[in-house]
Amino acid sequence: MDHRLSPELEELRRTVEEFAHDVVAPKIGDFYERHEFPYEIVREMGRMGLFGLPFPEEYGGMGGDYLALGLVLEELARVDSSVAITLEAGVSLGAMPLHLFGTEEQKREWLPRLCSGEILGAFGLTEPDGGSDAGATRTTARLDPDTDEWVINGTKCFITNSGTDITGLVTVTAVTGRKPDGRPEISAVIVPSGTPGFTVAAPYSKVGWNASDTRELSFQDVRVPAANLLGERGRGYAQFLRILDEGRIAIAALATGLTQGCVDESVKYAKERHAFGRPIGANQAIQFKIADMEMKAHTARLAWRDAASRLVAGEPFKKEAALAKLHSSTVAVDNARDATQIHGGYGFMNEYPVARMWRDSKILEIGEGTSEVQRMLIARELGLTG
């Protein structure tokens, strides 16, 4: 399979590469240190059309696909992961559920503003007692027949893009009843920001991704119209599985960007840093370490592009997405550790990008399905059950 880029995709990649180095890189360190959301950078990404990349032009999108989105995420994450995850969550988790499962009316109402970056969307899935067991949802949504409204109660945690000044909606998974076998019926419901009873907590104090927005959400007798049901009633769990399958490709691309960014910074530092009368890059131990880092970035790139190509072609991609996500997140942590070691004491200083990369890398083995979940999925696709 040829993973070389078309002229159009290569132009997109170069454009975002320049944006990441010229606009993001000089400013993001200050945002990161202040734990501040970079609104001006996000607005610029909106003007570039990045939030609308994989969506049809009729809804304000760019008419692209997940391969184009992955290229953008990789280039952004080579410089900073907070900006990259803001875009990834806004597209894969905020807007994509509406595109895939929304009614025509819901698409017309929300997608144009989501594609332009005027507003951000979020996906309320994870709960404090749930973690990887998303089927154990405790949040409930009861349909009030007198008012034809959903009444939502519960709590969600670790929700990206959920509390910014431009957050427009959160899609929430909730138990809406029971199936004949007694299992919970899980559905997805759109909750606009500012709805009475919908409370957004203060931002988490995180180890990394400090310039992104992550919060806990609570719902106390929150009422939204029955028409805010997203997709079929009782299909919320299946819908979120589809969303996560695609999202893993995006996260794999993001992780690849961080992996490559560690190589970029290490090569630069190894040429500039002198010890014992010569650049440290002249030492074979450093050369071999960076060569191994480059190998990991290259294989991670091949993995996510393969998964994306299968998705775009309409072929099965679940196993390949899990493989890409597992491998890329693993090597991202490896490269962040090695880049920090190459930088020595400077790698422990926040003014150096590798310090951010070290702090940002670990969540990649946890978010959108832990590494253990990826191994479960891969084993299942190989026919292993238990």
Protein backbone atom coordinates (compact mmCIF):
# COMPACT_ATOMS: atom_id res chain seq x y z
CA MET A 1 0.00 0.00 0.00
CA ASP A 2 1.41 3.36 -1.05
CA HIS A 3 1.31 5.86 1.81
CA ARG A 4 2.93 8.68 -0.12
CA LEU A 5 0.78 11.77 -0.05
CA SER A 6 -1.06 13.35 -2.96
CA PRO A 7 0.00 16.90 -3.89
CA GLU A 8 -3.14 18.26 -2.18
CA LEU A 9 -2.47 16.41 1.07
CA GLU A 10 1.20 17.34 1.02
CA GLU A 11 0.23 20.99 0.62
CA LEU A 12 -2.12 20.67 3.60
CA ARG A 13 0.61 19.04 5.66
CA ARG A 14 3.12 21.78 4.83
CA THR A 15 0.62 24.53 5.59
CA VAL A 16 -0.11 23.13 9.05
CA GLU A 17 3.57 22.45 9.66
CA GLU A 18 4.29 26.15 9.05
CA PHE A 19 1.37 27.18 11.24
CA ALA A 20 2.57 24.93 14.06
CA HIS A 21 6.10 26.33 13.98
CA ASP A 22 5.30 29.97 13.23
CA VAL A 23 2.13 30.48 15.31
CA VAL A 24 1.81 27.71 17.89
CA ALA A 25 5.41 27.13 18.94
CA PRO A 26 6.27 30.71 19.98
CA LYS A 27 3.16 31.10 22.17
CA ILE A 28 2.07 27.75 23.53
CA GLY A 29 4.68 27.50 26.30
CA ASP A 30 3.19 30.50 28.09
CA PHE A 31 -0.35 29.14 27.78
CA TYR A 32 0.86 25.80 29.08
CA GLU A 33 2.59 27.31 32.10
CA ARG A 34 -0.50 29.37 32.98
CA HIS A 35 -2.85 26.40 32.39
CA GLU A 36 -4.73 28.68 30.01
CA PHE A 37 -6.84 27.71 27.01
CA PRO A 38 -5.30 29.21 23.81
CA TYR A 39 -8.38 30.88 22.35
CA GLU A 40 -6.48 32.92 19.77
CA ILE A 41 -4.74 29.83 18.39
CA VAL A 42 -8.03 27.90 18.30
CA ARG A 43 -9.72 30.78 16.45
CA GLU A 44 -6.96 30.74 13.87
CA MET A 45 -7.39 26.98 13.39
CA GLY A 46 -11.08 27.65 12.84
CA ARG A 47 -10.31 30.26 10.19
CA MET A 48 -8.05 27.72 8.47
CA GLY A 49 -10.95 25.29 8.29
CA LEU A 50 -9.24 22.63 10.39
CA PHE A 51 -12.31 21.89 12.53
CA GLY A 52 -14.28 21.16 9.37
CA LEU A 53 -11.73 18.98 7.60
CA PRO A 54 -13.60 15.62 7.44
CA PHE A 55 -17.11 17.04 6.99
CA PRO A 56 -19.14 17.75 3.82
CA GLU A 57 -19.01 21.21 2.33
CA GLU A 58 -22.81 21.52 2.58
CA TYR A 59 -22.42 21.79 6.36
CA GLY A 60 -19.48 24.19 6.21
CA GLY A 61 -16.80 21.50 6.11
CA MET A 62 -13.78 21.05 3.87
CA GLY A 63 -14.88 17.77 2.27
CA GLY A 64 -11.81 15.89 3.48
CA ASP A 65 -11.44 12.66 5.43
CA TYR A 66 -9.69 11.07 8.40
CA LEU A 67 -6.39 10.83 6.55
CA ALA A 68 -6.37 14.62 6.14
CA LEU A 69 -7.34 15.07 9.79
CA GLY A 70 -4.57 12.72 10.90
CA LEU A 71 -1.95 14.66 8.94
CA VAL A 72 -3.04 17.88 10.64
CA LEU A 73 -3.03 16.33 14.10
CA GLU A 74 0.43 14.87 13.58
CA GLU A 75 1.92 18.19 12.52
CA LEU A 76 0.32 20.05 15.42
CA ALA A 77 1.45 17.47 17.97
CA ARG A 78 5.04 17.67 16.72
CA VAL A 79 4.97 21.07 18.41
CA ASP A 80 2.28 20.79 21.09
CA SER A 81 -0.30 18.21 22.17
CA SER A 82 -2.71 20.56 23.97
CA VAL A 83 -3.60 22.28 20.71
CA ALA A 84 -3.74 18.96 18.89
CA ILE A 85 -6.09 17.32 21.40
CA THR A 86 -8.37 20.36 21.31
CA LEU A 87 -8.77 19.84 17.57
CA GLU A 88 -9.04 16.04 17.84
CA ALA A 89 -11.73 16.16 20.51
CA GLY A 90 -13.59 18.96 18.74
CA VAL A 91 -13.76 16.95 15.52
CA SER A 92 -13.83 13.27 16.51
CA LEU A 93 -15.86 13.56 19.70
CA GLY A 94 -17.66 16.89 19.37
CA ALA A 95 -18.82 17.07 15.76
CA MET A 96 -18.46 13.56 14.33
CA PRO A 97 -21.34 12.03 16.38
CA LEU A 98 -23.66 14.66 14.92
CA HIS A 99 -22.40 14.01 11.41
CA LEU A 100 -22.76 10.23 11.67
CA PHE A 101 -25.94 9.91 13.71
CA GLY A 102 -27.71 13.26 13.74
CA THR A 103 -30.94 14.16 12.00
CA GLU A 104 -30.82 16.61 9.14
CA GLU A 105 -32.21 19.28 11.44
CA GLN A 106 -29.52 18.59 14.07
CA LYS A 107 -26.79 18.75 11.45
CA ARG A 108 -28.06 22.04 10.07
CA GLU A 109 -28.28 23.53 13.53
CA TRP A 110 -24.87 22.51 14.88
CA LEU A 111 -22.38 21.41 12.21
CA PRO A 112 -21.73 24.75 10.46
CA ARG A 113 -20.69 26.41 13.72
CA LEU A 114 -18.66 23.38 14.80
CA CYS A 115 -16.88 23.22 11.43
CA SER A 116 -15.98 26.91 11.57
CA GLY A 117 -14.61 26.67 15.10
CA GLU A 118 -17.17 29.23 16.26
CA ILE A 119 -18.18 26.70 18.90
CA LEU A 120 -16.69 23.48 20.26
CA GLY A 121 -18.52 20.27 21.02
CA ALA A 122 -17.73 17.66 23.65
CA PHE A 123 -18.64 14.02 24.24
CA GLY A 124 -19.78 13.10 27.75
CA LEU A 125 -19.01 9.41 28.07
CA THR A 126 -16.65 8.64 30.97
CA GLU A 127 -18.01 8.53 34.51
CA PRO A 128 -16.24 8.58 37.89
CA ASP A 129 -17.01 4.91 38.61
CA GLY A 130 -16.89 3.75 35.00
CA GLY A 131 -13.47 4.29 33.46
CA SER A 132 -12.94 1.76 30.69
CA ASP A 133 -16.28 0.10 31.50
CA ALA A 134 -18.42 2.56 29.58
CA GLY A 135 -21.28 0.07 29.60
CA ALA A 136 -21.65 0.70 33.34
CA THR A 137 -23.18 4.12 32.72
CA ARG A 138 -25.10 5.48 35.70
CA THR A 139 -26.24 8.79 34.25
CA THR A 140 -29.94 8.55 33.44
CA ALA A 141 -32.25 10.28 30.99
CA ARG A 142 -35.98 9.89 31.60
CA LEU A 143 -38.50 10.97 28.99
CA ASP A 144 -41.19 13.09 30.63
CA PRO A 145 -44.40 12.40 28.67
CA ASP A 146 -46.08 15.54 29.97
CA THR A 147 -43.48 17.90 28.54
CA ASP A 148 -41.86 15.66 25.89
CA GLU A 149 -38.46 16.38 27.42
CA TRP A 150 -35.52 14.30 28.55
CA VAL A 151 -34.71 14.74 32.24
CA ILE A 152 -31.02 14.00 32.79
CA ASN A 153 -29.26 13.23 36.07
CA GLY A 154 -25.69 12.10 36.64
CA THR A 155 -21.99 12.96 36.44
CA LYS A 156 -19.35 12.73 33.74
CA CYS A 157 -15.59 13.14 34.20
CA PHE A 158 -12.44 13.84 32.14
CA ILE A 159 -14.47 15.56 29.39
CA THR A 160 -12.35 17.52 26.91
CA ASN A 161 -13.52 20.90 25.54
CA SER A 162 -16.52 20.86 27.89
CA GLY A 163 -16.04 24.14 29.76
CA THR A 164 -14.50 26.68 27.41
CA ASP A 165 -16.12 30.02 26.64
CA ILE A 166 -16.94 28.69 23.17
CA THR A 167 -18.26 25.24 24.13
CA GLY A 168 -21.68 24.95 22.50
CA LEU A 169 -22.89 21.48 23.38
CA VAL A 170 -22.08 18.19 25.04
CA THR A 171 -23.40 14.88 23.75
CA VAL A 172 -24.16 12.75 26.82
CA THR A 173 -24.60 8.99 27.05
CA ALA A 174 -27.28 8.01 29.54
CA VAL A 175 -29.44 5.06 30.55
CA THR A 176 -32.88 5.62 29.03
CA GLY A 177 -34.48 2.34 30.06
CA ARG A 178 -33.96 -1.41 30.25
CA LYS A 179 -33.74 -4.00 27.51
CA PRO A 180 -35.82 -7.20 27.66
CA ASP A 181 -32.83 -9.07 29.12
CA GLY A 182 -32.46 -6.51 31.91
CA ARG A 183 -29.36 -4.80 30.53
CA PRO A 184 -29.35 -0.99 30.46
CA GLU A 185 -30.59 0.76 27.35
CA ILE A 186 -27.99 3.48 26.65
CA SER A 187 -28.81 6.42 24.41
CA ALA A 188 -27.06 9.66 23.44
CA VAL A 189 -28.64 13.06 24.08
CA ILE A 190 -27.49 16.54 23.02
CA VAL A 191 -27.24 19.01 25.90
CA PRO A 192 -26.57 22.64 24.87
CA SER A 193 -24.19 24.60 27.10
CA GLY A 194 -25.96 26.81 29.61
CA THR A 195 -28.97 24.50 30.02
CA PRO A 196 -30.34 24.91 33.58
CA GLY A 197 -29.08 22.18 35.90
CA PHE A 198 -26.02 21.50 33.71
CA THR A 199 -22.97 22.40 35.81
CA VAL A 200 -19.38 22.52 34.62
CA ALA A 201 -16.72 22.14 37.32
CA ALA A 202 -13.43 24.02 37.49
CA PRO A 203 -10.66 22.72 35.20
CA TYR A 204 -8.74 19.71 36.46
CA SER A 205 -5.18 20.18 37.70
CA LYS A 206 -3.48 17.86 35.23
CA VAL A 207 0.00 16.43 34.77
CA GLY A 208 -0.02 17.33 31.08
CA TRP A 209 -2.15 18.78 28.28
CA ASN A 210 -2.22 21.90 30.45
CA ALA A 211 -3.38 24.23 27.69
CA SER A 212 -6.42 22.08 26.91
CA ASP A 213 -9.78 22.12 28.68
CA THR A 214 -10.79 19.06 30.74
CA ARG A 215 -13.58 19.06 33.33
CA GLU A 216 -16.15 17.16 35.33
CA LEU A 217 -19.79 17.69 34.41
CA SER A 218 -22.88 17.25 36.54
CA PHE A 219 -26.52 17.06 35.50
CA GLN A 220 -29.30 17.71 37.99
CA ASP A 221 -32.78 17.46 36.50
CA VAL A 222 -31.47 18.87 33.24
CA ARG A 223 -34.29 19.17 30.71
CA VAL A 224 -33.83 19.13 26.95
CA PRO A 225 -36.37 18.50 24.17
CA ALA A 226 -37.07 14.92 23.12
CA ALA A 227 -35.78 15.94 19.68
CA ASN A 228 -32.27 16.20 21.21
CA LEU A 229 -31.93 12.41 21.11
CA LEU A 230 -28.92 11.67 18.90
CA GLY A 231 -29.43 8.63 16.72
CA GLU A 232 -31.73 5.79 17.65
CA ARG A 233 -32.87 5.29 21.21
CA GLY A 234 -30.91 2.47 22.80
CA ARG A 235 -28.07 2.72 20.27
CA GLY A 236 -25.89 5.11 22.26
CA TYR A 237 -23.43 2.41 23.32
CA ALA A 238 -23.00 1.13 19.76
CA GLN A 239 -22.63 4.70 18.49
CA PHE A 240 -19.87 5.50 20.95
CA LEU A 241 -18.00 2.32 19.97
CA ARG A 242 -18.04 3.50 16.35
CA ILE A 243 -16.85 6.95 17.40
CA LEU A 244 -13.99 5.51 19.45
CA ASP A 245 -12.86 3.21 16.63
CA GLU A 246 -12.39 6.22 14.37
CA GLY A 247 -11.05 8.40 17.17
CA ARG A 248 -8.26 5.92 17.86
CA ILE A 249 -6.84 6.67 14.43
CA ALA A 250 -6.83 10.37 15.27
CA ILE A 251 -5.16 9.74 18.64
CA ALA A 252 -2.59 7.51 16.94
CA ALA A 253 -1.77 10.35 14.53
CA LEU A 254 -1.45 12.75 17.46
CA ALA A 255 0.81 10.31 19.31
CA THR A 256 2.93 9.93 16.18
CA GLY A 257 3.35 13.68 16.07
CA LEU A 258 4.62 13.75 19.65
CA THR A 259 6.91 10.81 18.85
CA GLN A 260 8.36 12.68 15.86
CA GLY A 261 8.57 15.92 17.80
CA CYS A 262 10.85 14.18 20.29
CA VAL A 263 13.12 13.21 17.40
CA ASP A 264 13.09 16.76 16.01
CA GLU A 265 14.06 18.31 19.33
CA SER A 266 16.69 15.66 20.07
CA VAL A 267 18.41 16.07 16.71
CA LYS A 268 18.48 19.84 17.17
CA TYR A 269 19.85 19.60 20.70
CA ALA A 270 22.41 16.93 19.80
CA LYS A 271 23.90 19.24 17.18
CA GLU A 272 23.97 22.30 19.44
CA ARG A 273 25.02 20.82 22.77
CA HIS A 274 28.78 20.37 23.19
CA ALA A 275 30.42 18.21 25.82
CA PHE A 276 34.07 17.20 26.10
CA GLY A 277 34.96 19.31 23.10
CA ARG A 278 32.42 18.12 20.54
CA PRO A 279 28.67 17.96 19.83
CA ILE A 280 26.99 15.19 21.78
CA GLY A 281 25.49 14.05 18.47
CA ALA A 282 28.97 12.87 17.49
CA ASN A 283 28.73 10.18 20.14
CA GLN A 284 27.51 6.85 18.84
CA ALA A 285 25.40 6.24 21.94
CA ILE A 286 23.35 9.36 21.16
CA GLN A 287 23.24 8.57 17.44
CA PHE A 288 21.87 5.08 18.05
CA LYS A 289 19.28 6.31 20.53
CA ILE A 290 17.98 8.93 18.10
CA ALA A 291 18.03 6.40 15.24
CA ASP A 292 15.82 4.10 17.31
CA MET A 293 13.52 7.04 18.07
CA GLU A 294 13.19 7.80 14.35
CA MET A 295 12.37 4.14 13.66
CA LYS A 296 9.55 4.26 16.20
CA ALA A 297 8.11 7.43 14.70
CA HIS A 298 8.24 5.96 11.20
CA THR A 299 6.46 2.73 12.12
CA ALA A 300 3.83 4.63 14.11
CA ARG A 301 3.15 6.79 11.05
CA LEU A 302 2.76 3.76 8.82
CA ALA A 303 0.35 2.20 11.31
CA TRP A 304 -2.05 5.14 11.61
CA ARG A 305 -1.99 5.89 7.89
CA ASP A 306 -2.81 2.26 7.13
CA ALA A 307 -5.78 2.35 9.50
CA ALA A 308 -6.94 5.69 8.07
CA SER A 309 -6.64 4.42 4.50
CA ARG A 310 -8.82 1.43 5.36
CA LEU A 311 -11.42 3.69 6.97
CA VAL A 312 -11.48 6.01 3.97
CA ALA A 313 -11.81 3.03 1.59
CA GLY A 314 -14.78 1.68 3.54
CA GLU A 315 -12.88 -1.42 4.62
CA PRO A 316 -12.82 -2.98 8.12
CA PHE A 317 -10.34 -1.09 10.28
CA LYS A 318 -11.11 -1.89 13.93
CA LYS A 319 -8.02 -4.06 14.49
CA GLU A 320 -5.72 -1.73 12.58
CA ALA A 321 -6.99 1.29 14.55
CA ALA A 322 -6.31 -0.52 17.83
CA LEU A 323 -2.86 -1.58 16.63
CA ALA A 324 -2.02 1.97 15.60
CA LYS A 325 -3.26 3.46 18.85
CA LEU A 326 -1.44 0.89 20.99
CA HIS A 327 1.86 1.16 19.13
CA SER A 328 1.94 4.92 18.70
CA SER A 329 1.09 5.65 22.33
CA THR A 330 3.73 3.19 23.53
CA VAL A 331 6.50 4.67 21.40
CA ALA A 332 5.40 8.20 22.28
CA VAL A 333 6.17 7.46 25.92
CA ASP A 334 9.44 5.77 24.92
CA ASN A 335 10.59 8.69 22.80
CA ALA A 336 9.57 11.29 25.37
CA ARG A 337 11.64 9.48 27.98
CA ASP A 338 14.64 9.16 25.66
CA ALA A 339 14.40 12.78 24.49
CA THR A 340 14.41 13.94 28.09
CA GLN A 341 17.47 11.81 28.78
CA ILE A 342 19.31 13.23 25.77
CA HIS A 343 18.59 16.74 26.98
CA GLY A 344 19.87 15.91 30.47
CA GLY A 345 19.04 18.52 33.08
CA TYR A 346 17.58 20.84 30.44
CA GLY A 347 15.02 18.17 29.62
CA PHE A 348 13.63 18.65 33.10
CA MET A 349 13.07 22.36 32.51
CA ASN A 350 9.63 23.43 31.29
CA GLU A 351 11.10 25.97 28.89
CA TYR A 352 12.20 23.06 26.68
CA PRO A 353 9.50 21.41 24.54
CA VAL A 354 10.60 17.91 25.52
CA ALA A 355 9.53 18.61 29.10
CA ARG A 356 5.98 19.21 27.84
CA MET A 357 6.22 16.14 25.63
CA TRP A 358 7.27 13.99 28.57
CA ARG A 359 4.33 15.22 30.62
CA ASP A 360 1.89 14.93 27.70
CA SER A 361 2.87 11.45 26.55
CA LYS A 362 1.49 9.26 29.33
CA ILE A 363 -2.18 10.15 28.79
CA LEU A 364 -1.89 8.70 25.29
CA GLU A 365 -1.73 5.23 26.84
CA ILE A 366 -4.94 5.96 28.77
CA GLY A 367 -7.29 8.25 26.83
CA GLU A 368 -9.79 6.94 24.24
CA GLY A 369 -9.15 3.38 25.37
CA THR A 370 -6.25 2.26 27.54
CA SER A 371 -3.44 0.13 26.15
CA GLU A 372 -5.02 -2.85 27.89
CA VAL A 373 -8.31 -2.21 26.09
CA GLN A 374 -6.46 -2.04 22.76
CA ARG A 375 -4.90 -5.43 23.45
CA MET A 376 -8.35 -6.83 24.26
CA LEU A 377 -9.70 -5.51 20.96
CA ILE A 378 -6.78 -6.89 18.96
CA ALA A 379 -7.09 -10.31 20.61
CA ARG A 380 -10.83 -10.34 19.93
CA GLU A 381 -10.27 -9.48 16.26
CA LEU A 382 -7.84 -12.41 16.09
CA GLY A 383 -10.63 -14.72 17.26
CA LEU A 384 -9.45 -15.07 20.84
CA THR A 385 -12.29 -14.91 23.38
CA GLY A 386 -12.54 -15.39 27.10
